[in-house]
Each structure stands twice: as structure tokens, then as C-alpha cells.
Amino acid sequence: MLSTRYRPWHVPVFLAKYAWLRLRRRPVLLNLEVTMRCNARCGFCDYWKTPSESRDHEVADYAAIVRHFSPMLATFTGGEPLLRRDLEDIVRSVRKASRFTYLQLITHGGMLTVERARALWDAGLDQFNLSLDYLDERHDRARGIPGLAARLQALVPALREAGIGGVRFNTVIKRDNLDQLLPIVRRARELGGGVNFSLYTDFKNGNRDHLLAEDQHADLAEAVAALLDYKRRHPGAITNSEHYLEQIPRYVRGELRDEPCRSGESTIHIDPEGRVRRCPDFPPDGPWEAYDGYQPIACDACFYACRGEAQAPLRLRSRVRDVMA
């Protein structure tokens, strides 16, 4: 589901760039972790414990990095990226640095206003990804921000009315939100947006409270089957590949333990100090200039979308149908 900034003729251009990057074994997606600071209080993440002094070491301009990699997609993430007061300047310089790079932002949305969104959109951002794991007050409690779920659902139509045509929800599949997955997709579609899913892991800080239990395997398989059915009937509503969704129940059942992780081949992360790492939960390996590709590793600590999608075969018909929807 492309941002309204683009037209159908852009699709073959992006596909050509994708093929060019894969042929050269270069990253397709570059995650720019512009800060590790955050003002939410999520129990499954410790970024909010990052000292404010860390801002003194944050990269001021990512243009050289993006120009070097020239990825198909670049994501501004964190931490909470909106804590960067110079985020508009960062987006603007990245926009100028690489042609046909789709720029998106991941945010909890607690600080996002229509005015700030408009400024980022005008700077060159293509898509806003708003984290939403529940439609009700459970989301507020999980993030430590009162009224957040209602605020996000009100924000999406307000952004669209302001001419911002690229908004999606990012939803993490957890122990207590299986009943929310399809309702979130339906709600997103009502609001004119879409949803991207990822599976929870305790790898980040060891919090096992949100891991799916063994007695939930059947419920998870049923929930994923419902998502796949909805995705096929409503192209663009769910942005994950069918392959990734299909593999989630298998991973939770322990059936993918012997498969190597290929994260770091098509997706890499650049931390706030400009260091490269293969995964958001791995330590950095050195300055971005030293990147020379990553080899698959024996790691089954997560089944994030960045891992599962990296291993997904390109089903051209379904993927093109999604972005054209």
C-alpha cells in the first residue's frame, strides 16, 4: 500500500531497485535508530531508561549513510524518534540523498500532532507507522501513556484530512492481544490505513510476560488464518507477506529452530552513533563505513518481521497487489 505521494508507475521503479539491491547483496531496508531515548514506559522495552545525556552522541545527519547504501526503504526509528527536535532536518537531508527511497517513521504517537506530521511530510516522509497493540485502554497501560489508543485512532483520519496519505499501525502479537489482531486490521481499514505485524520476543529485556503460552497455539493458528483470509480479500490492509504470517505459528510451536537467521542481509540497523548492527537487539559491530555484509547465524531468539520477511520468497503477484491497493 504505497503512500499517496506515489503513483502506479513508481511500482516498477521500486521493483527494479529491489532487484538491483538483491543482485548486489546490499540491504533493502535501512533502519535509522535516530535515538534510544523514549518517554513511554513499556514493560517489554528498556529504551525509556536511556539517559538524556545520550543525545550528545546522536548522529546529526544521516545523509551520507543513506547515500552510501541507497536502500529501497529507510525507517526512522528508536527509541522514540519524535524526541529529536531536528527530525525534520534529518528527514529532509535523507530525502535529498537518495532517489526512490521510501521513507517511513515508527512512533508510539503520543507526541505526534497534525502540525508535526505535516512538517515531517513536507520534509519528505512517506509513511507514519503508529504502534498500536490494543484498541482499548490496555494499550494505554502497556505504554504508560493515558488515552493513547483513542488518540491514535482519532489521529489517523485527522492526518488524512490534512493531506497526509501514508499511515499504518504497527502491532506486536503478544499473549494477551490475540483477540485484538483482526479488530485492529478492520479498524485500520475503516480509518483508511493498514497494519504491519511482528511477533513479540523477550530477547530485548527478558520480560517473558508477553510470550504466547503452549495452550494458545491453536488460538494463534486460528487468529493468523483469519488474518490471511482478510489479507487476501482486502489487499493492502495487512502489509506483511503471506509467508511471514504463515510461519508465525510454526515458530511459536518450535518448528523453525534449525533454520538460520538471515537478518542483516536485506535489513540492517544503524544506531544513534552511526554504528551498524544486524538486528535491533544485537550490539553494534562498528562504524557504518565498515559494513561488509552479514552471514546467516544460528539464532532463534526472535521471529521479528525483519527476520521473517528477510526469509520470505518474493510472491510477485501478491506483493504488487498489496502496494497497488
Protein backbone atom coordinates (compact mmCIF):
# COMPACT_ATOMS: atom_id res chain seq x y z
CA MET A 1 0.00 0.00 0.00
CA LEU A 2 2.03 2.93 -1.31
CA SER A 3 1.85 6.38 0.18
CA THR A 4 -0.35 8.76 -1.80
CA ARG A 5 2.86 10.57 -2.69
CA TYR A 6 3.45 7.86 -5.30
CA ARG A 7 1.65 6.69 -8.43
CA PRO A 8 1.31 3.26 -10.09
CA TRP A 9 4.24 3.96 -12.40
CA HIS A 10 6.52 4.09 -9.37
CA VAL A 11 5.91 0.39 -8.65
CA PRO A 12 8.17 -0.98 -11.42
CA VAL A 13 10.82 1.56 -10.44
CA PHE A 14 10.84 0.28 -6.85
CA LEU A 15 10.81 -3.33 -8.06
CA ALA A 16 13.82 -2.62 -10.27
CA LYS A 17 15.65 -1.05 -7.35
CA TYR A 18 14.79 -4.05 -5.19
CA ALA A 19 16.21 -6.43 -7.80
CA TRP A 20 19.33 -4.27 -8.17
CA LEU A 21 19.98 -4.28 -4.43
CA ARG A 22 19.39 -8.03 -4.06
CA LEU A 23 21.66 -8.77 -7.02
CA ARG A 24 24.45 -6.76 -5.38
CA ARG A 25 23.69 -8.29 -1.96
CA ARG A 26 23.01 -4.87 -0.48
CA PRO A 27 20.44 -4.06 2.24
CA VAL A 28 16.94 -3.35 1.01
CA LEU A 29 15.82 -1.77 4.29
CA LEU A 30 17.92 0.58 6.39
CA ASN A 31 16.67 1.19 9.95
CA LEU A 32 17.99 4.51 11.24
CA GLU A 33 17.82 4.43 15.02
CA VAL A 34 17.97 8.19 15.46
CA THR A 35 17.74 7.96 19.27
CA MET A 36 17.47 5.38 22.02
CA ARG A 37 15.63 7.80 24.29
CA CYS A 38 11.91 7.28 24.83
CA ASN A 39 9.19 8.82 27.01
CA ALA A 40 6.86 5.79 27.05
CA ARG A 41 7.10 3.21 29.84
CA CYS A 42 6.75 -0.11 28.06
CA GLY A 43 7.44 -3.18 30.20
CA PHE A 44 8.83 -5.10 27.22
CA CYS A 45 11.44 -2.46 26.37
CA ASP A 46 14.10 -0.58 28.37
CA TYR A 47 14.72 2.29 25.97
CA TRP A 48 12.91 4.66 28.33
CA LYS A 49 15.78 4.09 30.79
CA THR A 50 18.28 5.60 28.34
CA PRO A 51 19.86 8.69 29.99
CA SER A 52 19.06 12.03 28.41
CA GLU A 53 22.80 12.71 28.07
CA SER A 54 22.91 10.15 25.26
CA ARG A 55 21.59 12.87 22.93
CA ASP A 56 25.11 14.34 22.91
CA HIS A 57 26.31 11.35 20.88
CA GLU A 58 23.47 11.14 18.38
CA VAL A 59 24.33 11.50 14.69
CA ALA A 60 23.19 14.87 13.38
CA ASP A 61 22.93 13.99 9.68
CA TYR A 62 22.26 10.58 8.10
CA ALA A 63 22.54 11.74 4.50
CA ALA A 64 25.98 10.22 3.89
CA ILE A 65 24.84 6.87 5.29
CA VAL A 66 21.71 6.72 3.15
CA ARG A 67 23.58 7.93 0.07
CA HIS A 68 26.10 5.12 0.53
CA PHE A 69 23.54 2.32 0.90
CA SER A 70 20.80 3.82 -1.32
CA PRO A 71 18.19 1.42 0.11
CA MET A 72 14.70 0.87 -1.20
CA LEU A 73 13.29 1.72 2.24
CA ALA A 74 14.65 3.73 5.16
CA THR A 75 12.91 3.74 8.53
CA PHE A 76 13.41 6.37 11.21
CA THR A 77 13.09 4.51 14.48
CA GLY A 78 14.39 4.49 18.03
CA GLY A 79 13.61 4.86 20.92
CA GLU A 80 11.06 7.49 20.13
CA PRO A 81 12.20 9.43 17.03
CA LEU A 82 9.92 12.41 17.76
CA LEU A 83 12.17 13.29 20.71
CA ARG A 84 14.63 14.51 18.07
CA ARG A 85 13.75 18.18 17.64
CA ASP A 86 15.79 18.17 14.44
CA LEU A 87 13.93 15.20 12.95
CA GLU A 88 12.52 17.32 10.12
CA ASP A 89 16.05 18.36 9.15
CA ILE A 90 17.19 14.72 9.25
CA VAL A 91 14.30 13.61 7.03
CA ARG A 92 14.89 16.47 4.60
CA SER A 93 18.59 15.67 4.17
CA VAL A 94 17.91 11.95 3.73
CA ARG A 95 15.21 12.73 1.17
CA LYS A 96 17.75 14.64 -0.90
CA ALA A 97 20.45 11.98 -0.50
CA SER A 98 18.80 9.02 -2.23
CA ARG A 99 16.28 8.83 -5.07
CA PHE A 100 13.44 6.35 -4.88
CA THR A 101 13.98 5.51 -1.23
CA TYR A 102 10.69 5.11 0.62
CA LEU A 103 10.92 6.93 3.98
CA GLN A 104 8.87 5.82 6.97
CA LEU A 105 8.71 6.63 10.67
CA ILE A 106 7.90 4.33 13.60
CA THR A 107 6.48 6.16 16.62
CA HIS A 108 4.32 5.46 19.64
CA GLY A 109 2.40 8.54 18.52
CA GLY A 110 1.97 10.08 21.95
CA MET A 111 3.66 13.30 20.84
CA LEU A 112 2.52 13.32 17.23
CA THR A 113 0.29 16.22 16.24
CA VAL A 114 -1.15 17.03 12.85
CA GLU A 115 1.17 20.04 12.69
CA ARG A 116 4.31 17.98 13.40
CA ALA A 117 3.19 15.30 10.98
CA ARG A 118 2.62 17.92 8.28
CA ALA A 119 6.13 19.29 8.82
CA LEU A 120 7.64 15.81 8.50
CA TRP A 121 5.51 15.05 5.45
CA ASP A 122 6.63 18.28 3.80
CA ALA A 123 10.25 17.38 4.65
CA GLY A 124 9.84 14.20 2.60
CA LEU A 125 8.48 11.48 4.87
CA ASP A 126 6.29 8.97 3.01
CA GLN A 127 4.66 7.00 5.80
CA PHE A 128 3.82 7.13 9.52
CA ASN A 129 3.76 3.81 11.40
CA LEU A 130 1.92 4.16 14.72
CA SER A 131 2.42 1.45 17.33
CA LEU A 132 -0.93 0.01 18.43
CA ASP A 133 -1.29 -3.34 20.21
CA TYR A 134 -4.84 -2.93 21.58
CA LEU A 135 -7.83 -0.81 20.63
CA ASP A 136 -8.76 -0.09 24.25
CA GLU A 137 -7.16 1.18 27.45
CA ARG A 138 -4.89 -1.86 27.62
CA HIS A 139 -2.69 -0.07 25.13
CA ASP A 140 -2.56 2.99 27.40
CA ARG A 141 -1.41 0.84 30.32
CA ALA A 142 1.14 -1.04 28.23
CA ARG A 143 2.75 2.18 27.01
CA GLY A 144 2.27 4.20 30.17
CA ILE A 145 0.51 6.99 28.26
CA PRO A 146 -3.13 7.65 29.29
CA GLY A 147 -5.61 7.96 26.43
CA LEU A 148 -3.10 6.83 23.81
CA ALA A 149 -5.27 4.23 22.00
CA ALA A 150 -8.13 6.65 21.47
CA ARG A 151 -5.72 9.41 20.47
CA LEU A 152 -4.11 7.26 17.77
CA GLN A 153 -7.45 6.22 16.30
CA ALA A 154 -8.54 9.85 16.15
CA LEU A 155 -5.22 10.93 14.69
CA VAL A 156 -5.34 8.75 11.56
CA PRO A 157 -8.37 10.44 9.93
CA ALA A 158 -7.05 13.84 11.03
CA LEU A 159 -3.79 13.16 9.22
CA ARG A 160 -5.61 12.06 6.11
CA GLU A 161 -7.76 15.19 6.19
CA ALA A 162 -4.54 17.19 6.31
CA GLY A 163 -3.42 15.56 3.07
CA ILE A 164 -1.07 13.02 4.64
CA GLY A 165 -1.73 9.79 2.80
CA GLY A 166 0.59 7.22 4.35
CA VAL A 167 -0.48 5.94 7.79
CA ARG A 168 -0.33 2.42 9.24
CA PHE A 169 -0.46 0.71 12.60
CA ASN A 170 2.40 -1.47 13.83
CA THR A 171 1.05 -4.28 16.02
CA VAL A 172 3.08 -6.74 18.08
CA ILE A 173 1.46 -10.16 18.53
CA LYS A 174 1.53 -10.97 22.24
CA ARG A 175 -0.02 -13.33 24.78
CA ASP A 176 -2.97 -11.12 25.64
CA ASN A 177 -3.89 -9.47 22.35
CA LEU A 178 -4.87 -12.33 20.04
CA ASP A 179 -8.44 -11.11 20.31
CA GLN A 180 -7.32 -7.69 19.05
CA LEU A 181 -5.48 -8.63 15.85
CA LEU A 182 -8.35 -8.78 13.38
CA PRO A 183 -10.28 -5.91 15.04
CA ILE A 184 -7.18 -3.71 14.70
CA VAL A 185 -6.97 -4.54 10.98
CA ARG A 186 -10.65 -3.81 10.49
CA ARG A 187 -10.35 -0.55 12.40
CA ALA A 188 -7.29 0.49 10.40
CA ARG A 189 -9.12 -0.18 7.16
CA GLU A 190 -12.12 1.86 8.35
CA LEU A 191 -9.73 4.74 9.02
CA GLY A 192 -8.04 4.39 5.63
CA GLY A 193 -4.81 2.79 6.86
CA GLY A 194 -3.17 -0.61 7.13
CA VAL A 195 -1.39 -2.83 9.67
CA ASN A 196 2.04 -4.42 9.91
CA PHE A 197 2.50 -7.27 12.40
CA SER A 198 5.53 -8.57 14.26
CA LEU A 199 5.84 -11.29 16.90
CA TYR A 200 6.82 -10.47 20.47
CA THR A 201 10.14 -11.69 21.84
CA ASP A 202 11.68 -11.47 25.30
CA PHE A 203 15.12 -11.04 23.72
CA LYS A 204 15.07 -7.28 24.28
CA ASN A 205 14.93 -7.22 28.09
CA GLY A 206 14.00 -10.71 29.27
CA ASN A 207 10.34 -9.96 30.01
CA ARG A 208 8.53 -13.26 29.38
CA ASP A 209 5.10 -11.96 30.43
CA HIS A 210 4.02 -11.39 26.82
CA LEU A 211 5.24 -14.66 25.29
CA LEU A 212 2.49 -16.89 23.96
CA ALA A 213 1.80 -19.94 26.11
CA GLU A 214 1.68 -23.52 24.83
CA ASP A 215 -2.07 -23.72 25.37
CA GLN A 216 -2.50 -20.74 22.99
CA HIS A 217 -1.06 -22.47 19.93
CA ALA A 218 -4.46 -23.34 18.49
CA ASP A 219 -5.81 -19.84 19.17
CA LEU A 220 -2.76 -18.31 17.47
CA ALA A 221 -3.16 -20.52 14.40
CA GLU A 222 -6.83 -19.54 14.19
CA ALA A 223 -6.01 -15.83 14.53
CA VAL A 224 -3.33 -15.99 11.83
CA ALA A 225 -5.66 -17.91 9.49
CA ALA A 226 -8.23 -15.13 9.94
CA LEU A 227 -5.58 -12.51 9.12
CA LEU A 228 -4.52 -14.36 5.98
CA ASP A 229 -8.12 -14.66 4.84
CA TYR A 230 -8.71 -10.94 5.43
CA LYS A 231 -5.47 -10.02 3.68
CA ARG A 232 -6.45 -11.98 0.56
CA ARG A 233 -9.88 -10.40 0.46
CA HIS A 234 -8.63 -6.87 1.19
CA PRO A 235 -5.23 -6.24 -0.47
CA GLY A 236 -3.21 -3.57 1.30
CA ALA A 237 -4.95 -3.94 4.67
CA ILE A 238 -2.07 -6.05 6.02
CA THR A 239 1.39 -5.23 4.74
CA ASN A 240 3.19 -8.39 5.88
CA SER A 241 3.91 -11.06 3.32
CA GLU A 242 1.72 -14.15 3.45
CA HIS A 243 4.86 -16.19 4.08
CA TYR A 244 5.72 -14.32 7.27
CA LEU A 245 2.23 -14.67 8.69
CA GLU A 246 2.15 -18.36 7.79
CA GLN A 247 5.40 -19.02 9.65
CA ILE A 248 4.43 -17.33 12.94
CA PRO A 249 2.51 -20.34 14.37
CA ARG A 250 5.31 -22.65 13.25
CA TYR A 251 7.91 -20.53 15.04
CA VAL A 252 5.86 -20.42 18.24
CA ARG A 253 5.48 -24.21 18.12
CA GLY A 254 9.27 -24.53 17.86
CA GLU A 255 9.34 -25.83 14.30
CA LEU A 256 11.86 -23.29 12.94
CA ARG A 257 14.63 -23.80 15.49
CA ASP A 258 17.11 -25.25 13.00
CA GLU A 259 16.67 -22.56 10.38
CA PRO A 260 19.42 -19.89 10.38
CA CYS A 261 18.53 -16.24 10.80
CA ARG A 262 19.21 -14.16 7.70
CA SER A 263 18.55 -10.79 9.31
CA GLY A 264 21.38 -8.49 8.36
CA GLU A 265 21.34 -9.46 4.70
CA SER A 266 18.39 -7.44 3.43
CA THR A 267 17.83 -5.42 6.63
CA ILE A 268 20.39 -3.65 8.80
CA HIS A 269 20.27 -1.16 11.67
CA ILE A 270 22.31 1.98 12.20
CA ASP A 271 22.42 3.02 15.86
CA PRO A 272 22.32 6.66 17.08
CA GLU A 273 26.13 6.84 16.98
CA GLY A 274 26.34 5.67 13.38
CA ARG A 275 27.35 2.08 14.13
CA VAL A 276 25.96 -0.86 12.19
CA ARG A 277 24.26 -3.94 13.61
CA ARG A 278 22.39 -6.83 12.09
CA CYS A 279 19.46 -6.77 14.49
CA PRO A 280 17.88 -4.23 16.88
CA ASP A 281 18.70 -6.48 19.83
CA PHE A 282 22.33 -7.20 18.90
CA PRO A 283 25.28 -4.99 19.88
CA PRO A 284 26.84 -2.79 17.19
CA ASP A 285 29.72 -4.18 15.14
CA GLY A 286 31.49 -0.98 14.20
CA PRO A 287 31.05 2.19 12.13
CA TRP A 288 28.67 2.04 9.21
CA GLU A 289 31.55 2.52 6.77
CA ALA A 290 32.91 -0.88 7.84
CA TYR A 291 29.76 -2.78 6.78
CA ASP A 292 30.69 -5.67 4.52
CA GLY A 293 27.58 -7.82 4.71
CA TYR A 294 26.37 -10.28 7.32
CA GLN A 295 26.30 -14.04 7.10
CA PRO A 296 23.37 -16.14 8.41
CA ILE A 297 23.69 -17.13 12.05
CA ALA A 298 22.22 -19.82 14.28
CA CYS A 299 19.86 -17.67 16.34
CA ASP A 300 16.23 -18.39 17.13
CA ALA A 301 15.71 -15.74 19.82
CA CYS A 302 13.02 -13.93 17.84
CA PHE A 303 10.73 -14.01 14.87
CA TYR A 304 10.57 -10.29 14.27
CA ALA A 305 9.29 -9.21 10.89
CA CYS A 306 12.86 -8.15 10.00
CA ARG A 307 13.87 -11.80 10.33
CA GLY A 308 10.81 -13.49 8.89
CA GLU A 309 10.39 -11.12 5.96
CA ALA A 310 14.08 -11.47 5.07
CA GLN A 311 13.47 -15.18 4.56
CA ALA A 312 10.21 -14.77 2.64
CA PRO A 313 10.15 -15.73 -1.05
CA LEU A 314 9.06 -12.97 -3.40
CA ARG A 315 5.50 -13.82 -4.38
CA LEU A 316 5.30 -11.13 -7.02
CA ARG A 317 1.57 -11.21 -7.66
CA SER A 318 0.54 -10.79 -4.01
CA ARG A 319 3.19 -8.19 -3.15
CA VAL A 320 2.42 -5.98 -6.15
CA ARG A 321 -1.29 -6.33 -5.41
CA ASP A 322 -0.62 -5.11 -1.85
CA VAL A 323 1.27 -1.98 -2.83
CA MET A 324 -1.17 -1.11 -5.59
CA ALA A 325 -4.21 -1.39 -3.27
